[in-house]
Structures are given as C-alpha cells and as structure tokens.
C-alpha cells in the first residue's frame, strides 16, 4: 500500500530543491512524472520520505532537458 503522505512529502521536497536549481523547467509534466516514479519506488521498497526525496531528485536529474 502506498503511503500517500510520505510520497507527497518526498515529491514536494524533491520538486522544491530541483526547481531552486532549475527555475526554467516547466512544472506540470515533470512534477507528474516525479510523483508516479516515487509511487512506484515506494511500492517496490518502502523507505522514509527523505530517502524517497533523494530518489526523486536523482530521477529528475536523469530526465532529458527537452522532455515535458
């Protein structure tokens, strides 16, 4: 079962940090992809919100800059 609170907290943390360093990136597409990715990570291996946020940041950095 996905812990929605942990996933939302992790997504918000990762997104805030990422946007601070990439202010020119559009919001909606990447944010949605991030949340789906983190839900999948949570289902595969539960962890805490901080660990999940670090996975989210790594995921965002791997996305091509022209995607979304």
PDB file of N, CA and C in Angstrom:
ATOM      1  N   UNK A   1       0.828  -1.178   0.000  1.00  0.00           N
ATOM      2  CA  UNK A   1       0.000   0.000   0.000  1.00  0.00           C
ATOM      3  C   UNK A   1       0.877   1.247   0.000  1.00  0.00           C
ATOM      4  N   UNK A   2       0.533   2.200  -0.803  1.00  0.00           N
ATOM      5  CA  UNK A   2       1.317   3.422  -0.924  1.00  0.00           C
ATOM      6  C   UNK A   2       0.932   4.377   0.198  1.00  0.00           C
ATOM      7  N   UNK A   3       1.929   4.870   0.912  1.00  0.00           N
ATOM      8  CA  UNK A   3       1.703   5.878   1.939  1.00  0.00           C
ATOM      9  C   UNK A   3       1.689   7.231   1.242  1.00  0.00           C
ATOM     10  N   UNK A   4       0.494   7.727   0.971  1.00  0.00           N
ATOM     11  CA  UNK A   4       0.327   8.968   0.196  1.00  0.00           C
ATOM     12  C   UNK A   4       1.033  10.154   0.834  1.00  0.00           C
ATOM     13  N   UNK A   5       1.029  10.228   2.150  1.00  0.00           N
ATOM     14  CA  UNK A   5       1.664  11.364   2.829  1.00  0.00           C
ATOM     15  C   UNK A   5       3.171  11.350   2.585  1.00  0.00           C
ATOM     16  N   UNK A   6       3.796  10.197   2.735  1.00  0.00           N
ATOM     17  CA  UNK A   6       5.247  10.093   2.522  1.00  0.00           C
ATOM     18  C   UNK A   6       5.601  10.399   1.075  1.00  0.00           C
ATOM     19  N   UNK A   7       4.809   9.897   0.141  1.00  0.00           N
ATOM     20  CA  UNK A   7       5.076  10.149  -1.283  1.00  0.00           C
ATOM     21  C   UNK A   7       4.913  11.632  -1.591  1.00  0.00           C
ATOM     22  N   UNK A   8       3.861  12.258  -1.069  1.00  0.00           N
ATOM     23  CA  UNK A   8       3.658  13.699  -1.313  1.00  0.00           C
ATOM     24  C   UNK A   8       4.765  14.536  -0.703  1.00  0.00           C
ATOM     25  N   UNK A   9       5.170  14.199   0.519  1.00  0.00           N
ATOM     26  CA  UNK A   9       6.256  14.945   1.172  1.00  0.00           C
ATOM     27  C   UNK A   9       7.549  14.805   0.378  1.00  0.00           C
ATOM     28  N   UNK A  10       7.839  13.597  -0.061  1.00  0.00           N
ATOM     29  CA  UNK A  10       9.053  13.362  -0.833  1.00  0.00           C
ATOM     30  C   UNK A  10       9.002  14.097  -2.163  1.00  0.00           C
ATOM     31  N   UNK A  11       7.866  14.058  -2.832  1.00  0.00           N
ATOM     32  CA  UNK A  11       7.720  14.748  -4.113  1.00  0.00           C
ATOM     33  C   UNK A  11       7.872  16.251  -3.926  1.00  0.00           C
ATOM     34  N   UNK A  12       7.270  16.798  -2.901  1.00  0.00           N
ATOM     35  CA  UNK A  12       7.364  18.239  -2.644  1.00  0.00           C
ATOM     36  C   UNK A  12       8.801  18.652  -2.351  1.00  0.00           C
ATOM     37  N   UNK A  13       9.492  17.870  -1.534  1.00  0.00           N
ATOM     38  CA  UNK A  13      10.891  18.168  -1.211  1.00  0.00           C
ATOM     39  C   UNK A  13      11.769  18.100  -2.452  1.00  0.00           C
ATOM     40  N   UNK A  14      11.657  17.013  -3.195  1.00  0.00           N
ATOM     41  CA  UNK A  14      12.473  16.854  -4.407  1.00  0.00           C
ATOM     42  C   UNK A  14      12.161  17.955  -5.411  1.00  0.00           C
ATOM     43  N   UNK A  15      10.889  18.266  -5.590  1.00  0.00           N
ATOM     44  CA  UNK A  15      10.492  19.270  -6.567  1.00  0.00           C
ATOM     45  C   UNK A  15      10.995  20.659  -6.163  1.00  0.00           C
ATOM     46  N   UNK A  16      10.903  20.995  -4.895  1.00  0.00           N
ATOM     47  CA  UNK A  16      11.369  22.300  -4.416  1.00  0.00           C
ATOM     48  C   UNK A  16      12.866  22.469  -4.629  1.00  0.00           C
ATOM     49  N   UNK A  17      13.625  21.457  -4.292  1.00  0.00           N
ATOM     50  CA  UNK A  17      15.079  21.514  -4.474  1.00  0.00           C
ATOM     51  C   UNK A  17      15.419  21.595  -5.959  1.00  0.00           C
ATOM     52  N   UNK A  18      14.766  20.783  -6.762  1.00  0.00           N
ATOM     53  CA  UNK A  18      15.039  20.770  -8.196  1.00  0.00           C
ATOM     54  C   UNK A  18      14.703  22.113  -8.830  1.00  0.00           C
ATOM     55  N   UNK A  19      13.553  22.685  -8.501  1.00  0.00           N
ATOM     56  CA  UNK A  19      13.140  23.980  -9.071  1.00  0.00           C
ATOM     57  C   UNK A  19      14.059  25.112  -8.624  1.00  0.00           C
ATOM     58  N   UNK A  20      14.649  24.996  -7.441  1.00  0.00           N
ATOM     59  CA  UNK A  20      15.576  26.019  -6.967  1.00  0.00           C
ATOM     60  C   UNK A  20      16.823  26.082  -7.845  1.00  0.00           C
ATOM     61  N   UNK A  21      17.204  24.943  -8.400  1.00  0.00           N
ATOM     62  CA  UNK A  21      18.393  24.908  -9.251  1.00  0.00           C
ATOM     63  C   UNK A  21      18.063  24.904 -10.737  1.00  0.00           C
ATOM     64  N   UNK A  22      16.800  24.714 -11.086  1.00  0.00           N
ATOM     65  CA  UNK A  22      16.351  24.692 -12.482  1.00  0.00           C
ATOM     66  C   UNK A  22      15.065  25.519 -12.624  1.00  0.00           C
ATOM     67  N   UNK A  23      15.143  26.830 -12.434  1.00  0.00           N
ATOM     68  CA  UNK A  23      13.922  27.648 -12.439  1.00  0.00           C
ATOM     69  C   UNK A  23      13.230  27.735 -13.796  1.00  0.00           C
ATOM     70  N   UNK A  24      13.920  27.389 -14.849  1.00  0.00           N
ATOM     71  CA  UNK A  24      13.350  27.488 -16.192  1.00  0.00           C
ATOM     72  C   UNK A  24      12.549  26.254 -16.610  1.00  0.00           C
ATOM     73  N   UNK A  25      12.513  25.227 -15.777  1.00  0.00           N
ATOM     74  CA  UNK A  25      11.826  23.983 -16.105  1.00  0.00           C
ATOM     75  C   UNK A  25      10.325  24.151 -15.864  1.00  0.00           C
ATOM     76  N   UNK A  26       9.527  23.693 -16.838  1.00  0.00           N
ATOM     77  CA  UNK A  26       8.076  23.731 -16.689  1.00  0.00           C
ATOM     78  C   UNK A  26       7.601  22.810 -15.578  1.00  0.00           C
ATOM     79  N   UNK A  27       6.518  23.167 -14.969  1.00  0.00           N
ATOM     80  CA  UNK A  27       6.100  22.492 -13.754  1.00  0.00           C
ATOM     81  C   UNK A  27       5.321  21.204 -13.960  1.00  0.00           C
ATOM     82  N   UNK A  28       4.236  21.227 -14.691  1.00  0.00           N
ATOM     83  CA  UNK A  28       3.261  20.146 -14.628  1.00  0.00           C
ATOM     84  C   UNK A  28       3.758  18.783 -15.104  1.00  0.00           C
ATOM     85  N   UNK A  29       4.323  18.693 -16.278  1.00  0.00           N
ATOM     86  CA  UNK A  29       4.708  17.385 -16.810  1.00  0.00           C
ATOM     87  C   UNK A  29       5.720  16.664 -15.953  1.00  0.00           C
ATOM     88  N   UNK A  30       6.790  17.343 -15.600  1.00  0.00           N
ATOM     89  CA  UNK A  30       7.827  16.719 -14.788  1.00  0.00           C
ATOM     90  C   UNK A  30       7.333  16.377 -13.399  1.00  0.00           C
ATOM     91  N   UNK A  31       6.554  17.246 -12.820  1.00  0.00           N
ATOM     92  CA  UNK A  31       6.049  17.004 -11.470  1.00  0.00           C
ATOM     93  C   UNK A  31       5.194  15.739 -11.452  1.00  0.00           C
ATOM     94  N   UNK A  32       4.360  15.582 -12.439  1.00  0.00           N
ATOM     95  CA  UNK A  32       3.508  14.402 -12.538  1.00  0.00           C
ATOM     96  C   UNK A  32       4.361  13.139 -12.706  1.00  0.00           C
ATOM     97  N   UNK A  33       5.367  13.220 -13.574  1.00  0.00           N
ATOM     98  CA  UNK A  33       6.264  12.077 -13.768  1.00  0.00           C
ATOM     99  C   UNK A  33       7.001  11.740 -12.479  1.00  0.00           C
ATOM    100  N   UNK A  34       7.421  12.768 -11.753  1.00  0.00           N
ATOM    101  CA  UNK A  34       8.113  12.566 -10.477  1.00  0.00           C
ATOM    102  C   UNK A  34       7.215  11.826  -9.495  1.00  0.00           C
ATOM    103  N   UNK A  35       5.978  12.267  -9.359  1.00  0.00           N
ATOM    104  CA  UNK A  35       5.071  11.628  -8.414  1.00  0.00           C
ATOM    105  C   UNK A  35       4.799  10.170  -8.770  1.00  0.00           C
ATOM    106  N   UNK A  36       4.621   9.891 -10.059  1.00  0.00           N
ATOM    107  CA  UNK A  36       4.413   8.490 -10.473  1.00  0.00           C
ATOM    108  C   UNK A  36       5.639   7.648 -10.170  1.00  0.00           C
ATOM    109  N   UNK A  37       6.818   8.201 -10.439  1.00  0.00           N
ATOM    110  CA  UNK A  37       8.059   7.479 -10.176  1.00  0.00           C
ATOM    111  C   UNK A  37       8.194   7.163  -8.686  1.00  0.00           C
ATOM    112  N   UNK A  38       7.904   8.147  -7.853  1.00  0.00           N
ATOM    113  CA  UNK A  38       8.041   7.941  -6.415  1.00  0.00           C
ATOM    114  C   UNK A  38       7.011   6.960  -5.872  1.00  0.00           C
ATOM    115  N   UNK A  39       5.821   6.957  -6.431  1.00  0.00           N
ATOM    116  CA  UNK A  39       4.823   5.969  -6.009  1.00  0.00           C
ATOM    117  C   UNK A  39       5.314   4.561  -6.329  1.00  0.00           C
ATOM    118  N   UNK A  40       5.899   4.403  -7.505  1.00  0.00           N
ATOM    119  CA  UNK A  40       6.446   3.095  -7.878  1.00  0.00           C
ATOM    120  C   UNK A  40       7.599   2.675  -6.984  1.00  0.00           C
ATOM    121  N   UNK A  41       8.473   3.635  -6.644  1.00  0.00           N
ATOM    122  CA  UNK A  41       9.590   3.331  -5.747  1.00  0.00           C
ATOM    123  C   UNK A  41       9.074   2.919  -4.377  1.00  0.00           C
ATOM    124  N   UNK A  42       8.054   3.619  -3.897  1.00  0.00           N
ATOM    125  CA  UNK A  42       7.506   3.315  -2.580  1.00  0.00           C
ATOM    126  C   UNK A  42       6.912   1.920  -2.554  1.00  0.00           C
ATOM    127  N   UNK A  43       6.194   1.578  -3.621  1.00  0.00           N
ATOM    128  CA  UNK A  43       5.581   0.249  -3.688  1.00  0.00           C
ATOM    129  C   UNK A  43       6.641  -0.841  -3.762  1.00  0.00           C
ATOM    130  N   UNK A  44       7.721  -0.574  -4.477  1.00  0.00           N
ATOM    131  CA  UNK A  44       8.770  -1.580  -4.644  1.00  0.00           C
ATOM    132  C   UNK A  44       9.593  -1.763  -3.373  1.00  0.00           C
ATOM    133  N   UNK A  45       9.814  -0.674  -2.678  1.00  0.00           N
ATOM    134  CA  UNK A  45      10.672  -0.747  -1.490  1.00  0.00           C
ATOM    135  C   UNK A  45      10.350   0.425  -0.582  1.00  0.00           C
ATOM    136  N   UNK A  46       9.654   0.147   0.489  1.00  0.00           N
ATOM    137  CA  UNK A  46       9.302   1.233   1.403  1.00  0.00           C
ATOM    138  C   UNK A  46      10.560   1.803   2.039  1.00  0.00           C
ATOM    139  N   UNK A  47      10.533   3.084   2.265  1.00  0.00           N
ATOM    140  CA  UNK A  47      11.612   3.786   2.942  1.00  0.00           C
ATOM    141  C   UNK A  47      11.013   5.023   3.562  1.00  0.00           C
ATOM    142  N   UNK A  48      11.848   5.898   4.039  1.00  0.00           N
ATOM    143  CA  UNK A  48      11.296   7.117   4.610  1.00  0.00           C
ATOM    144  C   UNK A  48      11.201   8.207   3.541  1.00  0.00           C
ATOM    145  N   UNK A  49      10.535   9.281   3.884  1.00  0.00           N
ATOM    146  CA  UNK A  49      10.287  10.353   2.923  1.00  0.00           C
ATOM    147  C   UNK A  49      11.590  11.005   2.458  1.00  0.00           C
ATOM    148  N   UNK A  50      12.580  11.107   3.327  1.00  0.00           N
ATOM    149  CA  UNK A  50      13.858  11.708   2.932  1.00  0.00           C
ATOM    150  C   UNK A  50      14.571  10.859   1.885  1.00  0.00           C
ATOM    151  N   UNK A  51      14.584   9.563   2.098  1.00  0.00           N
ATOM    152  CA  UNK A  51      15.208   8.672   1.126  1.00  0.00           C
ATOM    153  C   UNK A  51      14.464   8.730  -0.205  1.00  0.00           C
ATOM    154  N   UNK A  52      13.159   8.753  -0.130  1.00  0.00           N
ATOM    155  CA  UNK A  52      12.335   8.836  -1.328  1.00  0.00           C
ATOM    156  C   UNK A  52      12.586  10.144  -2.069  1.00  0.00           C
ATOM    157  N   UNK A  53      12.749  11.239  -1.342  1.00  0.00           N
ATOM    158  CA  UNK A  53      13.036  12.538  -1.962  1.00  0.00           C
ATOM    159  C   UNK A  53      14.370  12.499  -2.701  1.00  0.00           C
ATOM    160  N   UNK A  54      15.362  11.838  -2.139  1.00  0.00           N
ATOM    161  CA  UNK A  54      16.660  11.749  -2.823  1.00  0.00           C
ATOM    162  C   UNK A  54      16.546  10.919  -4.100  1.00  0.00           C
ATOM    163  N   UNK A  55      15.732   9.865  -4.079  1.00  0.00           N
ATOM    164  CA  UNK A  55      15.478   9.102  -5.302  1.00  0.00           C
ATOM    165  C   UNK A  55      14.783   9.985  -6.336  1.00  0.00           C
ATOM    166  N   UNK A  56      13.854  10.817  -5.863  1.00  0.00           N
ATOM    167  CA  UNK A  56      13.141  11.720  -6.760  1.00  0.00           C
ATOM    168  C   UNK A  56      14.057  12.735  -7.410  1.00  0.00           C
ATOM    169  N   UNK A  57      14.965  13.303  -6.635  1.00  0.00           N
ATOM    170  CA  UNK A  57      15.926  14.252  -7.194  1.00  0.00           C
ATOM    171  C   UNK A  57      16.806  13.587  -8.243  1.00  0.00           C
ATOM    172  N   UNK A  58      17.273  12.405  -7.947  1.00  0.00           N
ATOM    173  CA  UNK A  58      18.102  11.676  -8.915  1.00  0.00           C
ATOM    174  C   UNK A  58      17.315  11.409 -10.192  1.00  0.00           C
ATOM    175  N   UNK A  59      16.057  11.059 -10.047  1.00  0.00           N
ATOM    176  CA  UNK A  59      15.204  10.807 -11.217  1.00  0.00           C
ATOM    177  C   UNK A  59      15.045  12.072 -12.054  1.00  0.00           C
ATOM    178  N   UNK A  60      14.779  13.199 -11.423  1.00  0.00           N
ATOM    179  CA  UNK A  60      14.607  14.451 -12.157  1.00  0.00           C
ATOM    180  C   UNK A  60      15.878  14.840 -12.910  1.00  0.00           C
ATOM    181  N   UNK A  61      17.025  14.599 -12.308  1.00  0.00           N
ATOM    182  CA  UNK A  61      18.286  14.938 -12.970  1.00  0.00           C
ATOM    183  C   UNK A  61      18.566  14.036 -14.172  1.00  0.00           C
ATOM    184  N   UNK A  62      17.996  12.839 -14.179  1.00  0.00           N
ATOM    185  CA  UNK A  62      18.195  11.931 -15.316  1.00  0.00           C
ATOM    186  C   UNK A  62      17.291  12.251 -16.489  1.00  0.00           C
ATOM    187  N   UNK A  63      16.203  12.980 -16.267  1.00  0.00           N
ATOM    188  CA  UNK A  63      15.283  13.287 -17.370  1.00  0.00           C
ATOM    189  C   UNK A  63      15.948  14.210 -18.377  1.00  0.00           C
ATOM    190  N   UNK A  64      15.704  13.992 -19.658  1.00  0.00           N
ATOM    191  CA  UNK A  64      16.234  14.893 -20.672  1.00  0.00           C
ATOM    192  C   UNK A  64      15.668  16.298 -20.481  1.00  0.00           C
ATOM    193  N   UNK A  65      16.470  17.304 -20.754  1.00  0.00           N
ATOM    194  CA  UNK A  65      16.027  18.689 -20.533  1.00  0.00           C
ATOM    195  C   UNK A  65      14.900  19.094 -21.457  1.00  0.00           C
ATOM    196  N   UNK A  66      14.775  18.487 -22.604  1.00  0.00           N
ATOM    197  CA  UNK A  66      13.726  18.867 -23.552  1.00  0.00           C
ATOM    198  C   UNK A  66      12.444  18.068 -23.382  1.00  0.00           C
ATOM    199  N   UNK A  67      12.399  17.141 -22.413  1.00  0.00           N
ATOM    200  CA  UNK A  67      11.207  16.338 -22.182  1.00  0.00           C
ATOM    201  C   UNK A  67      10.223  17.102 -21.311  1.00  0.00           C
ATOM    202  N   UNK A  68       8.943  16.971 -21.585  1.00  0.00           N
ATOM    203  CA  UNK A  68       7.846  17.609 -20.841  1.00  0.00           C
ATOM    204  C   UNK A  68       7.791  19.039 -21.240  1.00  0.00           C
TER     205      UNK A  68
END
